[in-house]
């Protein structure tokens, strides 16, 4: 049985990934806090980094330095540390694959998302670097979704009412997306599962942009 760890598995996308991973027959570990996988398994076959957060939307000129630091540390530095730790276990796994969940904002820059966008752009750069440095043994890719209808749009899992109103104008976003709707978690799960599995066995260092056609790099 293949061993899969999902960091951020309690979030909106993370929960759907857990369901998909169990359905696919993975032996699964869900991490939202510290865990000792090296003692539990000793090796990993798959790792998904689905952790991330946004504090507030504001112009960079109005962004306090400590808010910038918290956002970039929580998204980018955490990616570096978790991928580094996971890589030591993935190197011992079977056809191992690591997937980072970045954001369309890492490439499609919009106002008032500066620290978050910078951290997600950095995550994509880290993904490519890890891919080069660990090829051919471990494959490393990213999925970069546009807006996804989860608690993230309401302040974040554990930080907001998940049934509350989103902080974005969903109708306005829908009108700008060729598919005429924002994503739901399952739209992101499919690409992640693809990158974890054998059908993507010749892909590494790549980013799949999942946004209904709103951004086509």
Protein backbone atom coordinates (compact mmCIF):
# COMPACT_ATOMS: atom_id res chain seq x y z
CA UNK A 1 0.00 0.00 0.00
CA UNK A 2 1.34 3.42 -0.97
CA UNK A 3 1.95 5.91 1.85
CA UNK A 4 0.61 9.45 1.44
CA UNK A 5 0.90 12.41 3.78
CA UNK A 6 -1.29 15.51 3.37
CA UNK A 7 -0.19 18.67 5.15
CA UNK A 8 -3.16 20.96 5.68
CA UNK A 9 -5.55 18.06 5.42
CA UNK A 10 -8.14 19.77 7.62
CA UNK A 11 -8.72 22.61 5.15
CA UNK A 12 -11.34 22.70 2.42
CA UNK A 13 -9.16 21.27 -0.34
CA UNK A 14 -7.29 19.09 2.15
CA UNK A 15 -10.44 17.34 3.35
CA UNK A 16 -11.44 16.49 -0.21
CA UNK A 17 -7.92 15.19 -0.86
CA UNK A 18 -8.19 12.93 2.18
CA UNK A 19 -11.42 11.44 0.82
CA UNK A 20 -9.84 10.91 -2.61
CA UNK A 21 -6.67 9.43 -1.14
CA UNK A 22 -8.59 6.90 0.94
CA UNK A 23 -10.75 5.99 -2.05
CA UNK A 24 -7.59 5.40 -4.09
CA UNK A 25 -6.28 2.97 -1.46
CA UNK A 26 -3.51 5.05 0.08
CA UNK A 27 -2.30 4.50 3.61
CA UNK A 28 -2.88 8.07 4.72
CA UNK A 29 -1.50 10.48 7.29
CA UNK A 30 -3.13 13.88 7.79
CA UNK A 31 -0.98 16.65 9.24
CA UNK A 32 -2.15 20.00 10.50
CA UNK A 33 0.17 19.92 13.49
CA UNK A 34 3.55 18.34 14.19
CA UNK A 35 3.84 14.61 13.50
CA UNK A 36 6.59 12.00 13.49
CA UNK A 37 6.24 10.24 10.16
CA UNK A 38 9.80 8.94 10.21
CA UNK A 39 8.93 6.80 13.24
CA UNK A 40 5.50 5.85 11.87
CA UNK A 41 6.48 4.76 8.36
CA UNK A 42 10.16 5.45 7.72
CA UNK A 43 9.41 6.36 4.10
CA UNK A 44 6.82 8.21 1.99
CA UNK A 45 5.47 7.56 -1.50
CA UNK A 46 3.50 10.79 -1.77
CA UNK A 47 3.35 14.15 -0.04
CA UNK A 48 0.91 17.02 -0.62
CA UNK A 49 1.46 20.46 0.84
CA UNK A 50 -2.03 21.96 1.02
CA UNK A 51 -1.29 24.41 3.84
CA UNK A 52 -1.58 28.15 3.30
CA UNK A 53 -3.38 31.28 4.41
CA UNK A 54 -4.13 34.91 3.61
CA UNK A 55 -4.40 37.46 6.43
CA UNK A 56 -5.96 40.44 4.71
CA UNK A 57 -6.36 42.14 1.37
CA UNK A 58 -4.64 45.50 1.20
CA UNK A 59 -2.22 47.47 -0.97
CA UNK A 60 1.47 46.78 -0.39
CA UNK A 61 2.01 50.41 0.66
CA UNK A 62 -0.51 49.83 3.46
CA UNK A 63 0.79 46.39 4.50
CA UNK A 64 2.59 46.30 7.87
CA UNK A 65 5.97 44.60 7.79
CA UNK A 66 4.96 42.07 10.44
CA UNK A 67 1.91 41.08 8.38
CA UNK A 68 4.13 40.61 5.33
CA UNK A 69 6.52 38.47 7.40
CA UNK A 70 3.77 36.30 8.88
CA UNK A 71 2.25 35.67 5.45
CA UNK A 72 5.49 34.86 3.65
CA UNK A 73 6.85 32.80 6.54
CA UNK A 74 3.61 30.86 6.88
CA UNK A 75 3.35 30.10 3.17
CA UNK A 76 6.87 30.16 1.72
CA UNK A 77 9.19 29.29 4.61
CA UNK A 78 6.81 26.53 5.68
CA UNK A 79 6.95 25.11 2.14
CA UNK A 80 10.74 25.06 2.29
CA UNK A 81 10.84 23.36 5.70
CA UNK A 82 8.10 20.80 5.06
CA UNK A 83 9.34 19.85 1.59
CA UNK A 84 12.87 19.50 2.93
CA UNK A 85 11.67 17.20 5.70
CA UNK A 86 9.38 15.23 3.38
CA UNK A 87 12.11 14.78 0.79
CA UNK A 88 14.23 12.72 3.17
CA UNK A 89 11.33 10.25 3.46
CA UNK A 90 10.32 10.42 -0.20
CA UNK A 91 13.83 9.46 -1.26
CA UNK A 92 13.15 6.11 0.42
CA UNK A 93 9.70 5.66 -1.16
CA UNK A 94 8.32 3.88 -4.21
CA UNK A 95 7.93 6.09 -7.31
CA UNK A 96 7.68 9.06 -4.95
CA UNK A 97 5.87 12.27 -5.83
CA UNK A 98 5.50 15.60 -4.03
CA UNK A 99 2.78 18.11 -4.91
CA UNK A 100 2.63 21.69 -3.66
CA UNK A 101 -0.66 23.56 -3.85
CA UNK A 102 0.31 27.05 -4.90
CA UNK A 103 -2.08 29.68 -6.32
CA UNK A 104 -2.92 31.30 -9.60
CA UNK A 105 -1.91 34.54 -7.88
CA UNK A 106 1.67 33.28 -8.02
CA UNK A 107 1.63 34.03 -11.74
CA UNK A 108 -1.48 36.12 -12.38
CA UNK A 109 -0.76 39.13 -10.18
CA UNK A 110 -3.71 41.12 -8.88
CA UNK A 111 -3.80 44.16 -6.54
CA UNK A 112 -4.14 43.75 -2.77
CA UNK A 113 -2.67 40.26 -2.65
CA UNK A 114 1.03 41.24 -2.58
CA UNK A 115 2.48 39.15 0.29
CA UNK A 116 0.35 36.12 -0.55
CA UNK A 117 1.15 36.32 -4.26
CA UNK A 118 4.87 36.71 -3.55
CA UNK A 119 4.86 33.69 -1.27
CA UNK A 120 3.01 31.55 -3.82
CA UNK A 121 5.34 32.65 -6.63
CA UNK A 122 8.20 31.64 -4.37
CA UNK A 123 6.51 28.29 -3.75
CA UNK A 124 6.49 27.64 -7.50
CA UNK A 125 10.19 28.53 -7.67
CA UNK A 126 10.92 26.16 -4.77
CA UNK A 127 8.94 23.44 -6.53
CA UNK A 128 11.12 23.76 -9.62
CA UNK A 129 14.32 23.80 -7.58
CA UNK A 130 13.39 20.72 -5.55
CA UNK A 131 12.42 19.01 -8.82
CA UNK A 132 15.83 19.66 -10.35
CA UNK A 133 17.78 18.74 -7.25
CA UNK A 134 15.93 15.46 -6.62
CA UNK A 135 15.45 14.19 -10.16
CA UNK A 136 15.16 11.47 -11.26
CA UNK A 137 14.40 9.88 -7.90
CA UNK A 138 11.53 12.13 -6.69
CA UNK A 139 9.06 14.00 -8.87
CA UNK A 140 8.03 17.47 -7.62
CA UNK A 141 5.16 19.44 -9.16
CA UNK A 142 2.60 22.09 -8.22
CA UNK A 143 -1.07 22.80 -8.72
CA UNK A 144 -2.03 26.49 -8.84
CA UNK A 145 -5.79 27.00 -8.56
CA UNK A 146 -7.79 30.16 -8.96
CA UNK A 147 -10.50 30.97 -6.38
CA UNK A 148 -11.89 27.84 -4.75
CA UNK A 149 -15.17 27.84 -2.82
CA UNK A 150 -13.82 26.85 0.60
CA UNK A 151 -13.39 28.44 4.02
CA UNK A 152 -10.29 30.14 2.58
CA UNK A 153 -12.62 32.69 0.93
CA UNK A 154 -14.21 33.34 4.32
CA UNK A 155 -11.06 33.82 6.40
CA UNK A 156 -9.68 30.28 6.58
CA UNK A 157 -10.41 26.96 8.27
CA UNK A 158 -10.43 27.42 12.04
CA UNK A 159 -10.29 31.20 11.60
CA UNK A 160 -13.79 31.87 10.25
CA UNK A 161 -17.35 30.66 9.86
CA UNK A 162 -17.12 28.22 6.95
CA UNK A 163 -20.80 28.86 6.16
CA UNK A 164 -20.39 32.62 6.11
CA UNK A 165 -20.37 34.90 3.11
CA UNK A 166 -17.16 34.87 1.02
CA UNK A 167 -14.90 37.89 1.07
CA UNK A 168 -14.92 38.13 -2.74
CA UNK A 169 -17.72 38.97 -5.17
CA UNK A 170 -18.36 35.46 -6.47
CA UNK A 171 -20.77 36.61 -9.18
CA UNK A 172 -18.17 39.05 -10.54
CA UNK A 173 -15.50 36.34 -10.57
CA UNK A 174 -17.86 33.92 -12.30
CA UNK A 175 -18.43 36.42 -15.10
CA UNK A 176 -14.67 36.67 -15.74
CA UNK A 177 -14.05 32.91 -15.88
CA UNK A 178 -14.66 31.14 -19.21
CA UNK A 179 -16.15 28.16 -17.35
CA UNK A 180 -18.51 30.65 -15.65
CA UNK A 181 -17.90 29.48 -12.08
CA UNK A 182 -15.21 29.45 -9.45
CA UNK A 183 -13.72 26.11 -8.51
CA UNK A 184 -14.89 23.65 -5.89
CA UNK A 185 -12.37 21.47 -4.00
CA UNK A 186 -12.92 18.46 -6.26
CA UNK A 187 -11.70 20.52 -9.24
CA UNK A 188 -8.30 20.73 -7.56
CA UNK A 189 -8.26 17.18 -6.19
CA UNK A 190 -8.22 15.58 -9.66
CA UNK A 191 -5.03 17.33 -10.83
CA UNK A 192 -3.32 16.62 -7.50
CA UNK A 193 -4.16 12.92 -7.66
CA UNK A 194 -2.94 12.85 -11.27
CA UNK A 195 0.43 14.31 -10.23
CA UNK A 196 0.73 11.79 -7.40
CA UNK A 197 0.08 8.82 -9.66
CA UNK A 198 1.84 6.92 -12.44
CA UNK A 199 0.04 8.69 -15.31
CA UNK A 200 2.22 11.74 -14.64
CA UNK A 201 5.38 9.67 -14.31
CA UNK A 202 7.32 11.81 -16.82
CA UNK A 203 6.35 15.15 -15.27
CA UNK A 204 8.48 17.07 -12.80
CA UNK A 205 9.00 20.76 -12.10
CA UNK A 206 5.63 21.59 -13.66
CA UNK A 207 2.72 23.74 -12.52
CA UNK A 208 -0.86 22.87 -13.45
CA UNK A 209 -2.98 26.04 -13.58
CA UNK A 210 -6.52 25.11 -12.52
CA UNK A 211 -8.73 28.15 -13.02
CA UNK A 212 -11.51 27.44 -15.52
CA UNK A 213 -9.58 29.22 -18.26
CA UNK A 214 -9.24 32.53 -16.43
CA UNK A 215 -5.43 32.50 -16.68
CA UNK A 216 -3.53 30.89 -19.54
CA UNK A 217 0.26 31.40 -19.15
